[in-house]
Protein backbone atom coordinates (compact mmCIF):
# COMPACT_ATOMS: atom_id res chain seq x y z
CA MET A 1 25.13 -7.74 29.15
CA SER A 2 24.69 -7.73 32.89
CA LEU A 3 21.41 -6.14 34.37
CA LEU A 4 23.68 -3.21 36.00
CA ARG A 5 25.21 -2.41 32.74
CA ARG A 6 21.99 -2.45 30.91
CA ALA A 7 20.47 -0.18 33.41
CA GLN A 8 23.72 2.08 33.41
CA GLN A 9 22.97 2.46 29.45
CA TRP A 10 19.56 2.97 29.71
CA GLY A 11 20.31 5.76 32.31
CA THR A 12 22.74 7.44 29.63
CA PHE A 13 20.72 7.35 26.70
CA THR A 14 17.39 8.14 28.04
CA GLN A 15 15.66 11.71 28.02
CA MET A 16 15.31 13.01 31.58
CA TRP A 17 12.59 15.57 32.63
CA HIS A 18 13.79 18.52 34.57
CA ILE A 19 11.87 21.25 36.50
CA TYR A 20 13.09 24.54 37.10
CA ASP A 21 11.36 27.19 39.01
CA ALA A 22 12.02 30.71 37.55
CA LYS A 23 10.60 32.59 40.62
CA TRP A 24 12.96 35.71 41.55
CA GLN A 25 15.58 34.29 39.37
CA ASP A 26 17.22 36.26 36.61
CA PRO A 27 16.42 34.87 33.25
CA TYR A 28 19.70 35.10 31.52
CA ASP A 29 21.81 33.40 34.05
CA SER A 30 19.12 30.84 34.32
CA ALA A 31 19.09 30.25 30.62
CA LYS A 32 22.74 29.20 30.91
CA LEU A 33 22.01 26.63 33.31
CA ILE A 34 18.82 25.30 31.35
CA ALA A 35 20.81 25.55 28.36
CA HIS A 36 23.10 23.10 29.94
CA TYR A 37 20.60 20.71 30.37
CA LEU A 38 18.71 21.05 27.13
CA LYS A 39 21.97 20.23 25.28
CA GLY A 40 22.99 17.39 27.72
CA LEU A 41 26.55 18.52 28.50
CA TYR A 42 26.33 16.58 31.59
CA LYS A 43 26.09 13.12 29.69
CA PRO A 44 29.15 11.26 28.89
CA ILE A 45 27.94 10.83 25.54
CA TYR A 46 27.62 14.39 24.63
CA HIS A 47 28.43 15.72 21.18
CA THR A 48 27.72 18.97 19.76
CA MET A 49 25.92 17.36 16.95
CA ASN A 50 24.44 14.67 18.96
CA LEU A 51 20.56 15.29 20.15
CA CYS A 52 21.08 13.55 23.66
CA GLY A 53 19.74 16.56 25.75
CA ASP A 54 16.58 16.18 28.04
CA GLN A 55 13.13 18.03 28.54
CA VAL A 56 13.18 21.19 30.90
CA VAL A 57 9.90 22.43 32.35
CA VAL A 58 10.40 25.84 33.68
CA ILE A 59 7.63 27.28 36.07
CA ASN A 60 6.89 30.53 37.36
CA SER A 61 8.01 32.71 34.47
CA GLN A 62 5.83 35.78 35.05
CA ASP A 63 8.00 36.21 38.44
CA ILE A 64 11.30 36.71 37.00
CA ALA A 65 13.71 39.22 38.23
CA LEU A 66 15.79 41.33 36.08
CA LYS A 67 19.04 43.09 37.43
CA GLY A 68 19.00 46.78 38.07
CA ASN A 69 16.84 48.93 35.64
CA GLU A 70 17.12 46.30 32.88
CA TRP A 71 13.02 46.54 32.85
CA GLU A 72 13.33 49.70 31.43
CA MET A 73 16.59 49.41 29.72
CA ARG A 74 16.70 46.19 27.83
CA VAL A 75 14.78 46.12 24.54
CA TYR A 76 13.67 43.24 22.02
CA PHE A 77 14.09 43.75 18.33
CA HIS A 78 11.22 42.49 16.09
CA HIS A 79 11.01 42.89 12.29
CA ASN A 80 7.83 41.94 10.58
CA THR A 81 9.45 41.60 7.26
CA TYR A 82 7.43 44.32 5.86
CA HIS A 83 9.16 47.74 4.77
CA ARG A 84 9.71 49.78 7.93
CA GLY A 85 8.75 46.84 9.86
CA ALA A 86 11.55 46.70 12.32
CA SER A 87 10.36 47.51 16.03
CA TRP A 88 11.76 47.55 19.49
CA THR A 89 9.80 46.58 22.51
CA LYS A 90 11.01 47.16 25.95
CA ALA A 91 11.35 44.19 28.19
CA TRP A 92 8.40 45.30 30.66
CA GLU A 93 6.11 45.76 27.72
CA LEU A 94 7.22 42.37 26.23
CA HIS A 95 6.75 40.80 29.64
CA LYS A 96 3.24 42.47 30.08
CA LYS A 97 2.14 40.86 26.82
CA ASP A 98 3.55 37.17 27.24
CA PRO A 99 5.33 36.55 30.41
CA THR A 100 6.96 33.35 29.11
CA MET A 101 8.68 35.26 26.22
CA ILE A 102 11.65 36.90 27.99
CA MET A 103 12.76 33.68 29.16
CA GLU A 104 12.57 31.85 25.81
CA LYS A 105 14.58 34.27 24.18
CA ALA A 106 17.20 34.02 26.94
CA VAL A 107 17.23 30.30 26.41
CA TYR A 108 17.30 30.80 22.74
CA ARG A 109 20.36 33.06 23.01
CA ALA A 110 22.06 30.89 25.61
CA LEU A 111 21.83 27.62 23.28
CA GLY A 112 24.30 29.34 20.91
CA ASN A 113 24.29 29.70 17.22
CA ASN A 114 24.33 26.09 15.94
CA ILE A 115 22.29 23.79 13.78
CA PRO A 116 20.48 21.75 16.50
CA ARG A 117 19.20 24.76 18.58
CA ARG A 118 15.84 24.45 17.37
CA TYR A 119 15.40 20.92 18.12
CA HIS A 120 16.71 21.96 21.75
CA MET A 121 14.18 24.44 21.99
CA GLN A 122 11.54 21.95 21.38
CA ARG A 123 12.25 20.08 24.58
CA LEU A 124 11.66 23.47 26.54
CA HIS A 125 8.62 24.06 28.05
CA ILE A 126 7.85 27.43 29.55
CA TYR A 127 4.72 28.03 32.04
CA TYR A 128 3.95 31.53 33.42
CA ASN A 129 2.91 29.96 36.86
CA ASP A 130 3.04 26.73 38.71
CA GLN A 131 0.09 25.18 36.70
CA ILE A 132 1.57 22.12 34.67
CA PRO A 133 -0.26 20.13 32.61
CA GLU A 134 -0.84 16.35 34.55
CA LYS A 135 0.60 14.53 31.44
CA ILE A 136 3.85 16.60 31.97
CA LYS A 137 3.93 16.49 35.66
CA GLN A 138 4.04 12.76 35.77
CA ASN A 139 7.48 12.70 33.60
CA ILE A 140 9.36 15.00 35.64
CA GLY A 141 12.05 13.24 37.53
CA ASN A 142 14.39 15.84 38.61
CA GLN A 143 14.32 19.44 39.68
CA ILE A 144 16.97 21.99 39.02
CA LYS A 145 18.37 24.15 41.84
CA GLN A 146 17.81 27.62 41.76
CA LEU A 147 20.94 29.85 41.28
CA ARG A 148 19.82 32.13 43.96
CA PRO A 149 17.35 31.48 46.93
CA VAL A 150 14.11 33.26 47.09
CA PRO A 151 13.72 35.93 49.74
CA GLN A 152 11.18 35.60 52.26
CA ARG A 153 8.69 38.71 52.57
CA LEU A 154 8.62 40.58 56.09
CA ASP A 155 4.86 39.85 56.32
CA HIS A 156 5.39 35.92 56.29
CA ILE A 157 7.62 36.01 58.67
CA SER A 158 6.24 34.99 62.26
CA GLN A 159 6.48 37.43 65.13
CA ASP A 160 8.46 34.68 67.39
CA ASP A 161 11.24 34.76 64.68
CA ILE A 162 11.31 38.66 64.72
CA GLU A 163 11.57 38.60 68.54
CA ASN A 164 14.08 36.15 68.92
CA PHE A 165 16.26 37.47 65.90
CA PRO A 166 19.65 38.46 67.57
CA GLN A 167 20.00 42.27 68.05
CA ILE A 168 23.35 44.13 67.90
CA LEU A 169 22.00 46.99 69.76
CA LYS A 170 19.24 47.14 72.38
CA LEU A 171 17.48 50.60 72.17
CA PRO A 172 15.91 51.87 75.64
CA GLN A 173 11.96 52.33 75.65
CA THR A 174 12.53 55.97 76.27
CA TYR A 175 14.44 56.41 72.77
CA VAL A 176 12.67 58.89 70.29
CA LEU A 177 13.55 58.68 66.73
CA ARG A 178 13.85 62.06 64.90
């Protein structure tokens, strides 16, 4: 086998480490993308029962953004196996208790109801901020692109950029707002 073929085969069968920044991202849209990498769907050797997926590190899970009023409306079910042990927790309460739990539940749901789902979940590493252990940071070789751009805060925009921004209408200095 030639050296080029050997490198191709190694690249196909190896487990890559990907990093995904969840800041200002919807966890349920992001979960579909993360599940794609956890399952290894982009690899030519993919099969539903083949564990060829990659490791995914998710950072900044405390800064996720749910759509609309989902922080108040979305609830999560939990049962502690005792009589009357069912409870429903709102998204904001769950996020306050554990900032990684909503992202974990979203990815778990996106992986579908199949046998190797728990093995895929073992390859998911979620951190609530951008502090990653040095051991894991050394392995990361790819960055997954965010689904939507993170908006820039107005107080972080320089005064020159504000003044040079194109204006549709230039109001006179004597104009008074009512």
